[in-house]
Amino acid sequence: MLLFLLPGSGDRLAKFSTALLSFVLVTLGNLVAPIAVAAQNIPLRQGVHFYGESAQPGVVGQEYFIFQVRGNQLRGAFFAYYSEFACTHGTVSAQALDLVVEDPYGEQPPSRFALALVPRSPVARSGNNIDLTLKGLKEISTVGTTEQDILAACL
């Protein structure tokens, strides 16, 4: 597993990489917990998903993740408000989002990591599917213009 590590040169890239790295490190302890989910079912609904360290959008200093699921594929971005963003793409499996994160400046090779999917609650079900969420992040139901623009840049 590769992490999104960029050189710490003191410029905008280093500031962004530090913020993104802290987001990745927070999630590292939460990676890929096995769950009993039917392998033939995509565990996340199709469409746009928005998560953050904060349950409120727009909080400066907090990291966010917006992405769109189509089939078992996803495209999206990690970002912080009033800062750069990093586009990502990957696949949705029964236990995790397997991601490739692009360097926003194209100076480093893409990095790979996974974010664990966990049941929202022990009894949360939607038909035959378990209702899943991203471990360690809070789902945000409102997607504003800023978030839509960031997602559109990465689609």
N, C-alpha and C. Protein backbone atom coordinates (compact mmCIF):
# COMPACT_ATOMS: atom_id res chain seq x y z
N MET A 1 0.84 -1.16 0.00
CA MET A 1 0.00 0.00 0.00
C MET A 1 0.89 1.23 0.00
N LEU A 2 0.64 2.18 -0.93
CA LEU A 2 1.41 3.40 -1.01
C LEU A 2 0.64 4.54 -0.38
N LEU A 3 1.34 5.45 0.23
CA LEU A 3 0.72 6.64 0.80
C LEU A 3 1.00 7.83 -0.08
N PHE A 4 0.18 8.86 0.02
CA PHE A 4 0.33 10.09 -0.71
C PHE A 4 1.36 10.94 0.02
N LEU A 5 2.64 10.75 -0.30
CA LEU A 5 3.71 11.47 0.35
C LEU A 5 4.38 12.41 -0.65
N LEU A 6 4.42 13.67 -0.32
CA LEU A 6 5.05 14.65 -1.18
C LEU A 6 6.19 15.32 -0.44
N PRO A 7 7.16 15.85 -1.15
CA PRO A 7 8.29 16.48 -0.47
C PRO A 7 7.84 17.70 0.33
N GLY A 8 8.40 17.90 1.50
CA GLY A 8 8.06 19.04 2.34
C GLY A 8 8.97 20.20 2.04
N SER A 9 8.67 20.97 1.02
CA SER A 9 9.55 22.05 0.59
C SER A 9 9.13 23.41 1.11
N GLY A 10 8.07 23.49 1.89
CA GLY A 10 7.67 24.76 2.48
C GLY A 10 6.79 25.60 1.58
N ASP A 11 6.49 25.16 0.39
CA ASP A 11 5.65 25.93 -0.52
C ASP A 11 4.19 25.45 -0.45
N ARG A 12 3.37 25.90 -1.38
CA ARG A 12 1.95 25.52 -1.39
C ARG A 12 1.78 24.02 -1.49
N LEU A 13 2.63 23.38 -2.27
CA LEU A 13 2.55 21.93 -2.42
C LEU A 13 2.77 21.24 -1.09
N ALA A 14 3.75 21.70 -0.33
CA ALA A 14 4.04 21.08 0.97
C ALA A 14 2.88 21.28 1.93
N LYS A 15 2.27 22.47 1.92
CA LYS A 15 1.13 22.73 2.81
C LYS A 15 -0.03 21.82 2.46
N PHE A 16 -0.30 21.70 1.16
CA PHE A 16 -1.39 20.82 0.75
C PHE A 16 -1.08 19.37 1.07
N SER A 17 0.16 18.96 0.78
CA SER A 17 0.52 17.55 1.02
C SER A 17 0.46 17.23 2.50
N THR A 18 0.81 18.19 3.36
CA THR A 18 0.72 17.96 4.80
C THR A 18 -0.73 17.77 5.22
N ALA A 19 -1.63 18.61 4.69
CA ALA A 19 -3.05 18.48 5.03
C ALA A 19 -3.61 17.16 4.52
N LEU A 20 -3.28 16.80 3.28
CA LEU A 20 -3.79 15.56 2.73
C LEU A 20 -3.19 14.36 3.45
N LEU A 21 -1.90 14.43 3.77
CA LEU A 21 -1.27 13.34 4.48
C LEU A 21 -1.91 13.14 5.84
N SER A 22 -2.25 14.23 6.53
CA SER A 22 -2.89 14.07 7.84
C SER A 22 -4.24 13.40 7.68
N PHE A 23 -4.97 13.71 6.60
CA PHE A 23 -6.25 13.07 6.34
C PHE A 23 -6.05 11.57 6.11
N VAL A 24 -5.03 11.22 5.32
CA VAL A 24 -4.74 9.82 5.04
C VAL A 24 -4.33 9.09 6.31
N LEU A 25 -3.46 9.72 7.11
CA LEU A 25 -2.99 9.07 8.33
C LEU A 25 -4.11 8.84 9.33
N VAL A 26 -5.08 9.77 9.39
CA VAL A 26 -6.23 9.58 10.28
C VAL A 26 -6.99 8.34 9.86
N THR A 27 -7.08 8.11 8.57
CA THR A 27 -7.86 6.97 8.09
C THR A 27 -7.06 5.67 8.06
N LEU A 28 -5.74 5.74 8.16
CA LEU A 28 -4.94 4.52 8.07
C LEU A 28 -5.30 3.49 9.14
N GLY A 29 -5.59 3.94 10.33
CA GLY A 29 -5.96 3.01 11.39
C GLY A 29 -7.32 2.39 11.17
N ASN A 30 -8.06 2.89 10.19
CA ASN A 30 -9.42 2.44 9.95
C ASN A 30 -9.54 1.66 8.64
N LEU A 31 -8.45 1.18 8.11
CA LEU A 31 -8.49 0.59 6.77
C LEU A 31 -9.01 -0.84 6.76
N VAL A 32 -9.77 -1.10 5.75
CA VAL A 32 -10.19 -2.41 5.30
C VAL A 32 -10.53 -3.38 6.42
N ALA A 33 -11.66 -3.13 7.07
CA ALA A 33 -12.19 -4.07 8.04
C ALA A 33 -13.15 -5.00 7.31
N PRO A 34 -12.97 -6.31 7.41
CA PRO A 34 -13.85 -7.22 6.68
C PRO A 34 -15.29 -7.14 7.19
N ILE A 35 -16.22 -7.21 6.25
CA ILE A 35 -17.64 -7.15 6.56
C ILE A 35 -18.34 -8.22 5.73
N ALA A 36 -19.39 -8.82 6.28
CA ALA A 36 -20.15 -9.81 5.52
C ALA A 36 -21.14 -9.09 4.62
N VAL A 37 -20.76 -8.89 3.36
CA VAL A 37 -21.61 -8.22 2.37
C VAL A 37 -21.63 -9.10 1.13
N ALA A 38 -22.77 -9.24 0.54
CA ALA A 38 -22.87 -10.05 -0.67
C ALA A 38 -21.96 -9.47 -1.75
N ALA A 39 -21.05 -10.29 -2.29
CA ALA A 39 -20.04 -9.81 -3.23
C ALA A 39 -20.65 -9.28 -4.52
N GLN A 40 -21.81 -9.75 -4.92
CA GLN A 40 -22.39 -9.31 -6.17
C GLN A 40 -23.04 -7.94 -6.06
N ASN A 41 -23.27 -7.43 -4.87
CA ASN A 41 -23.91 -6.14 -4.68
C ASN A 41 -22.87 -5.04 -4.49
N ILE A 42 -23.08 -3.90 -5.15
CA ILE A 42 -22.23 -2.73 -4.91
C ILE A 42 -22.70 -2.13 -3.59
N PRO A 43 -21.81 -1.97 -2.62
CA PRO A 43 -22.25 -1.58 -1.28
C PRO A 43 -22.65 -0.13 -1.11
N LEU A 44 -22.33 0.74 -2.06
CA LEU A 44 -22.74 2.14 -1.98
C LEU A 44 -23.72 2.44 -3.09
N ARG A 45 -24.68 3.30 -2.79
CA ARG A 45 -25.65 3.69 -3.82
C ARG A 45 -24.94 4.43 -4.95
N GLN A 46 -25.50 4.36 -6.12
CA GLN A 46 -24.96 5.08 -7.27
C GLN A 46 -25.18 6.57 -7.06
N GLY A 47 -24.27 7.38 -7.58
CA GLY A 47 -24.42 8.82 -7.49
C GLY A 47 -23.33 9.47 -6.65
N VAL A 48 -23.63 10.70 -6.19
CA VAL A 48 -22.65 11.52 -5.49
C VAL A 48 -22.69 11.26 -3.99
N HIS A 49 -21.50 11.17 -3.39
CA HIS A 49 -21.33 11.00 -1.94
C HIS A 49 -20.40 12.09 -1.46
N PHE A 50 -20.67 12.62 -0.26
CA PHE A 50 -19.87 13.70 0.30
C PHE A 50 -19.61 13.40 1.76
N TYR A 51 -18.33 13.34 2.15
CA TYR A 51 -17.92 13.02 3.52
C TYR A 51 -16.89 14.04 3.99
N GLY A 52 -16.78 14.17 5.31
CA GLY A 52 -15.76 15.06 5.85
C GLY A 52 -15.35 14.69 7.26
N GLU A 53 -14.24 15.26 7.68
CA GLU A 53 -13.86 15.13 9.07
C GLU A 53 -14.89 15.82 9.95
N SER A 54 -15.49 16.88 9.42
CA SER A 54 -16.57 17.59 10.09
C SER A 54 -17.88 17.24 9.39
N ALA A 55 -18.96 17.18 10.14
CA ALA A 55 -20.28 16.93 9.55
C ALA A 55 -20.83 18.16 8.85
N GLN A 56 -20.19 19.30 9.02
CA GLN A 56 -20.61 20.54 8.39
C GLN A 56 -19.67 20.90 7.25
N PRO A 57 -20.19 21.22 6.07
CA PRO A 57 -19.32 21.65 4.98
C PRO A 57 -18.75 23.04 5.27
N GLY A 58 -17.60 23.34 4.68
CA GLY A 58 -17.03 24.68 4.75
C GLY A 58 -16.18 24.98 5.95
N VAL A 59 -15.90 24.01 6.80
CA VAL A 59 -15.08 24.24 7.99
C VAL A 59 -13.61 24.28 7.58
N VAL A 60 -12.99 25.44 7.76
CA VAL A 60 -11.59 25.62 7.40
C VAL A 60 -10.72 24.72 8.29
N GLY A 61 -9.74 24.08 7.67
CA GLY A 61 -8.83 23.21 8.40
C GLY A 61 -9.28 21.76 8.46
N GLN A 62 -10.49 21.47 7.98
CA GLN A 62 -10.99 20.09 7.95
C GLN A 62 -10.86 19.55 6.53
N GLU A 63 -10.66 18.25 6.42
CA GLU A 63 -10.53 17.59 5.12
C GLU A 63 -11.87 16.99 4.71
N TYR A 64 -12.12 16.99 3.40
CA TYR A 64 -13.37 16.48 2.84
C TYR A 64 -13.08 15.56 1.66
N PHE A 65 -14.05 14.70 1.36
CA PHE A 65 -13.93 13.76 0.25
C PHE A 65 -15.27 13.73 -0.45
N ILE A 66 -15.30 14.13 -1.73
CA ILE A 66 -16.51 14.06 -2.54
C ILE A 66 -16.22 13.15 -3.71
N PHE A 67 -17.19 12.28 -4.04
CA PHE A 67 -16.97 11.35 -5.14
C PHE A 67 -18.30 10.91 -5.73
N GLN A 68 -18.21 10.40 -6.95
CA GLN A 68 -19.38 9.88 -7.67
C GLN A 68 -19.15 8.41 -7.95
N VAL A 69 -20.15 7.58 -7.64
CA VAL A 69 -20.10 6.14 -7.90
C VAL A 69 -20.93 5.84 -9.13
N ARG A 70 -20.33 5.10 -10.07
CA ARG A 70 -21.01 4.59 -11.26
C ARG A 70 -20.60 3.14 -11.41
N GLY A 71 -21.55 2.23 -11.21
CA GLY A 71 -21.21 0.81 -11.20
C GLY A 71 -20.33 0.56 -10.00
N ASN A 72 -19.17 -0.07 -10.22
CA ASN A 72 -18.24 -0.25 -9.11
C ASN A 72 -17.05 0.70 -9.22
N GLN A 73 -17.17 1.71 -10.06
CA GLN A 73 -16.11 2.71 -10.26
C GLN A 73 -16.46 4.01 -9.54
N LEU A 74 -15.42 4.73 -9.13
CA LEU A 74 -15.67 6.05 -8.55
C LEU A 74 -14.63 7.03 -9.03
N ARG A 75 -15.03 8.30 -9.05
CA ARG A 75 -14.13 9.43 -9.35
C ARG A 75 -14.50 10.52 -8.37
N GLY A 76 -13.51 11.26 -7.90
CA GLY A 76 -13.81 12.33 -6.96
C GLY A 76 -12.57 13.10 -6.57
N ALA A 77 -12.64 13.74 -5.38
CA ALA A 77 -11.54 14.59 -4.92
C ALA A 77 -11.48 14.64 -3.41
N PHE A 78 -10.26 14.71 -2.89
CA PHE A 78 -9.99 15.06 -1.51
C PHE A 78 -9.70 16.56 -1.52
N PHE A 79 -10.24 17.30 -0.56
CA PHE A 79 -9.99 18.74 -0.57
C PHE A 79 -10.18 19.34 0.82
N ALA A 80 -9.67 20.54 0.95
CA ALA A 80 -9.92 21.39 2.11
C ALA A 80 -10.40 22.72 1.53
N TYR A 81 -11.33 23.37 2.19
CA TYR A 81 -11.85 24.65 1.70
C TYR A 81 -10.74 25.69 1.68
N TYR A 82 -10.77 26.55 0.66
CA TYR A 82 -9.79 27.60 0.45
C TYR A 82 -8.38 27.04 0.27
N SER A 83 -8.30 25.87 -0.38
CA SER A 83 -7.03 25.21 -0.62
C SER A 83 -7.13 24.43 -1.92
N GLU A 84 -6.06 23.71 -2.27
CA GLU A 84 -6.06 22.87 -3.46
C GLU A 84 -6.88 21.61 -3.20
N PHE A 85 -7.03 20.83 -4.27
CA PHE A 85 -7.69 19.54 -4.14
C PHE A 85 -6.91 18.52 -4.95
N ALA A 86 -7.11 17.25 -4.61
CA ALA A 86 -6.44 16.15 -5.32
C ALA A 86 -7.50 15.22 -5.89
N CYS A 87 -7.49 15.03 -7.19
CA CYS A 87 -8.45 14.13 -7.82
C CYS A 87 -8.09 12.69 -7.49
N THR A 88 -9.11 11.86 -7.44
CA THR A 88 -8.93 10.45 -7.15
C THR A 88 -9.87 9.63 -8.02
N HIS A 89 -9.50 8.40 -8.25
CA HIS A 89 -10.38 7.45 -8.94
C HIS A 89 -10.11 6.08 -8.34
N GLY A 90 -11.04 5.17 -8.55
CA GLY A 90 -10.84 3.84 -7.99
C GLY A 90 -12.06 2.96 -8.13
N THR A 91 -12.09 1.94 -7.29
CA THR A 91 -13.19 0.97 -7.33
C THR A 91 -13.81 0.81 -5.96
N VAL A 92 -15.07 0.38 -5.99
CA VAL A 92 -15.81 0.09 -4.77
C VAL A 92 -15.85 -1.42 -4.61
N SER A 93 -15.33 -1.91 -3.50
CA SER A 93 -15.42 -3.34 -3.20
C SER A 93 -16.37 -3.52 -2.02
N ALA A 94 -16.56 -4.75 -1.60
CA ALA A 94 -17.46 -5.03 -0.49
C ALA A 94 -16.95 -4.46 0.83
N GLN A 95 -15.63 -4.28 0.97
CA GLN A 95 -15.07 -3.81 2.23
C GLN A 95 -14.48 -2.41 2.19
N ALA A 96 -14.19 -1.88 1.00
CA ALA A 96 -13.43 -0.63 0.96
C ALA A 96 -13.58 0.10 -0.37
N LEU A 97 -13.16 1.34 -0.35
CA LEU A 97 -12.92 2.10 -1.57
C LEU A 97 -11.43 1.99 -1.83
N ASP A 98 -11.07 1.37 -2.94
CA ASP A 98 -9.66 1.23 -3.33
C ASP A 98 -9.34 2.40 -4.25
N LEU A 99 -8.47 3.30 -3.77
CA LEU A 99 -8.29 4.60 -4.42
C LEU A 99 -6.89 4.80 -4.99
N VAL A 100 -6.85 5.58 -6.07
CA VAL A 100 -5.62 6.11 -6.64
C VAL A 100 -5.77 7.62 -6.56
N VAL A 101 -4.84 8.29 -5.85
CA VAL A 101 -4.89 9.74 -5.67
C VAL A 101 -3.82 10.38 -6.53
N GLU A 102 -4.23 11.32 -7.36
CA GLU A 102 -3.31 12.02 -8.25
C GLU A 102 -2.70 13.21 -7.53
N ASP A 103 -1.41 13.47 -7.78
CA ASP A 103 -0.74 14.66 -7.27
C ASP A 103 -1.37 15.87 -7.99
N PRO A 104 -1.88 16.86 -7.24
CA PRO A 104 -2.54 17.99 -7.89
C PRO A 104 -1.62 18.78 -8.81
N TYR A 105 -0.31 18.66 -8.65
CA TYR A 105 0.63 19.40 -9.49
C TYR A 105 1.29 18.51 -10.54
N GLY A 106 0.99 17.23 -10.54
CA GLY A 106 1.56 16.31 -11.50
C GLY A 106 3.04 16.07 -11.33
N GLU A 107 3.58 16.37 -10.16
CA GLU A 107 5.01 16.23 -9.92
C GLU A 107 5.39 14.89 -9.29
N GLN A 108 4.42 14.19 -8.71
CA GLN A 108 4.68 12.92 -8.04
C GLN A 108 3.81 11.84 -8.69
N PRO A 109 4.25 10.59 -8.62
CA PRO A 109 3.39 9.52 -9.15
C PRO A 109 2.13 9.38 -8.30
N PRO A 110 1.07 8.81 -8.88
CA PRO A 110 -0.16 8.60 -8.11
C PRO A 110 0.10 7.70 -6.90
N SER A 111 -0.69 7.90 -5.86
CA SER A 111 -0.58 7.10 -4.64
C SER A 111 -1.83 6.24 -4.50
N ARG A 112 -1.67 5.07 -3.90
CA ARG A 112 -2.79 4.14 -3.71
C ARG A 112 -3.03 3.91 -2.23
N PHE A 113 -4.31 3.86 -1.85
CA PHE A 113 -4.70 3.46 -0.51
C PHE A 113 -6.17 3.10 -0.51
N ALA A 114 -6.66 2.63 0.62
CA ALA A 114 -8.06 2.20 0.73
C ALA A 114 -8.71 2.86 1.93
N LEU A 115 -10.00 3.15 1.79
CA LEU A 115 -10.82 3.63 2.89
C LEU A 115 -11.85 2.54 3.20
N ALA A 116 -11.93 2.15 4.46
CA ALA A 116 -12.83 1.06 4.87
C ALA A 116 -14.29 1.48 4.80
N LEU A 117 -15.12 0.54 4.38
CA LEU A 117 -16.57 0.68 4.44
C LEU A 117 -17.06 -0.11 5.65
N VAL A 118 -17.90 0.50 6.46
CA VAL A 118 -18.42 -0.15 7.66
C VAL A 118 -19.93 0.04 7.72
N PRO A 119 -20.64 -0.88 8.39
CA PRO A 119 -22.09 -0.72 8.53
C PRO A 119 -22.40 0.56 9.31
N ARG A 120 -23.41 1.27 8.85
CA ARG A 120 -23.84 2.50 9.51
C ARG A 120 -24.30 2.21 10.93
N SER A 121 -24.99 1.08 11.11
CA SER A 121 -25.39 0.60 12.43
C SER A 121 -25.50 -0.91 12.33
N PRO A 122 -25.51 -1.62 13.47
CA PRO A 122 -25.56 -3.10 13.42
C PRO A 122 -26.79 -3.65 12.71
N VAL A 123 -27.87 -2.89 12.66
CA VAL A 123 -29.10 -3.39 12.04
C VAL A 123 -29.49 -2.62 10.79
N ALA A 124 -28.63 -1.71 10.31
CA ALA A 124 -28.96 -0.89 9.14
C ALA A 124 -28.95 -1.74 7.88
N ARG A 125 -30.09 -1.86 7.24
CA ARG A 125 -30.20 -2.65 6.01
C ARG A 125 -31.08 -1.90 5.02
N SER A 126 -30.79 -2.10 3.76
CA SER A 126 -31.60 -1.55 2.68
C SER A 126 -31.88 -2.71 1.73
N GLY A 127 -33.01 -3.36 1.88
CA GLY A 127 -33.29 -4.56 1.10
C GLY A 127 -32.32 -5.65 1.50
N ASN A 128 -31.61 -6.22 0.51
CA ASN A 128 -30.61 -7.25 0.78
C ASN A 128 -29.23 -6.68 1.08
N ASN A 129 -29.07 -5.36 0.96
CA ASN A 129 -27.78 -4.73 1.16
C ASN A 129 -27.65 -4.16 2.57
N ILE A 130 -26.44 -4.22 3.10
CA ILE A 130 -26.14 -3.56 4.37
C ILE A 130 -25.88 -2.09 4.05
N ASP A 131 -26.43 -1.17 4.85
CA ASP A 131 -26.22 0.26 4.67
C ASP A 131 -24.83 0.61 5.17
N LEU A 132 -23.92 0.99 4.26
CA LEU A 132 -22.52 1.23 4.61
C LEU A 132 -22.15 2.71 4.57
N THR A 133 -21.08 3.04 5.29
CA THR A 133 -20.53 4.39 5.30
C THR A 133 -19.01 4.27 5.39
N LEU A 134 -18.31 5.39 5.22
CA LEU A 134 -16.86 5.39 5.32
C LEU A 134 -16.44 5.51 6.77
N LYS A 135 -15.60 4.59 7.21
CA LYS A 135 -15.16 4.58 8.60
C LYS A 135 -14.31 5.82 8.90
N GLY A 136 -14.63 6.48 10.01
CA GLY A 136 -13.86 7.63 10.45
C GLY A 136 -14.27 8.95 9.84
N LEU A 137 -15.23 8.94 8.91
CA LEU A 137 -15.69 10.17 8.28
C LEU A 137 -17.19 10.33 8.49
N LYS A 138 -17.64 11.57 8.41
CA LYS A 138 -19.06 11.86 8.59
C LYS A 138 -19.69 12.17 7.24
N GLU A 139 -20.83 11.54 6.98
CA GLU A 139 -21.53 11.80 5.73
C GLU A 139 -22.22 13.15 5.79
N ILE A 140 -22.15 13.89 4.69
CA ILE A 140 -22.77 15.22 4.58
C ILE A 140 -23.82 15.14 3.49
N SER A 141 -25.06 15.51 3.82
CA SER A 141 -26.15 15.34 2.86
C SER A 141 -26.28 16.48 1.86
N THR A 142 -25.76 17.66 2.17
CA THR A 142 -25.89 18.82 1.29
C THR A 142 -24.62 19.01 0.48
N VAL A 143 -24.78 19.01 -0.85
CA VAL A 143 -23.66 19.26 -1.75
C VAL A 143 -23.91 20.61 -2.40
N GLY A 144 -23.04 21.58 -2.08
CA GLY A 144 -23.19 22.93 -2.61
C GLY A 144 -22.46 23.13 -3.92
N THR A 145 -22.48 24.36 -4.41
CA THR A 145 -21.84 24.71 -5.67
C THR A 145 -20.34 24.48 -5.63
N THR A 146 -19.69 24.85 -4.53
CA THR A 146 -18.24 24.66 -4.41
C THR A 146 -17.88 23.19 -4.55
N GLU A 147 -18.59 22.33 -3.83
CA GLU A 147 -18.31 20.90 -3.90
C GLU A 147 -18.61 20.34 -5.28
N GLN A 148 -19.69 20.80 -5.91
CA GLN A 148 -20.03 20.35 -7.26
C GLN A 148 -18.94 20.74 -8.25
N ASP A 149 -18.40 21.95 -8.10
CA ASP A 149 -17.34 22.42 -9.01
C ASP A 149 -16.06 21.59 -8.83
N ILE A 150 -15.71 21.27 -7.59
CA ILE A 150 -14.52 20.45 -7.34
C ILE A 150 -14.71 19.07 -7.95
N LEU A 151 -15.88 18.46 -7.72
CA LEU A 151 -16.16 17.13 -8.29
C LEU A 151 -16.12 17.18 -9.82
N ALA A 152 -16.73 18.20 -10.42
CA ALA A 152 -16.77 18.30 -11.88
C ALA A 152 -15.35 18.40 -12.48
N ALA A 153 -14.44 19.05 -11.77
CA ALA A 153 -13.06 19.17 -12.25
C ALA A 153 -12.35 17.82 -12.30
N CYS A 154 -12.85 16.84 -11.53
CA CYS A 154 -12.19 15.54 -11.46
C CYS A 154 -12.93 14.44 -12.22
N LEU A 155 -14.08 14.74 -12.77
CA LEU A 155 -14.84 13.72 -13.51
C LEU A 155 -14.31 13.51 -14.90
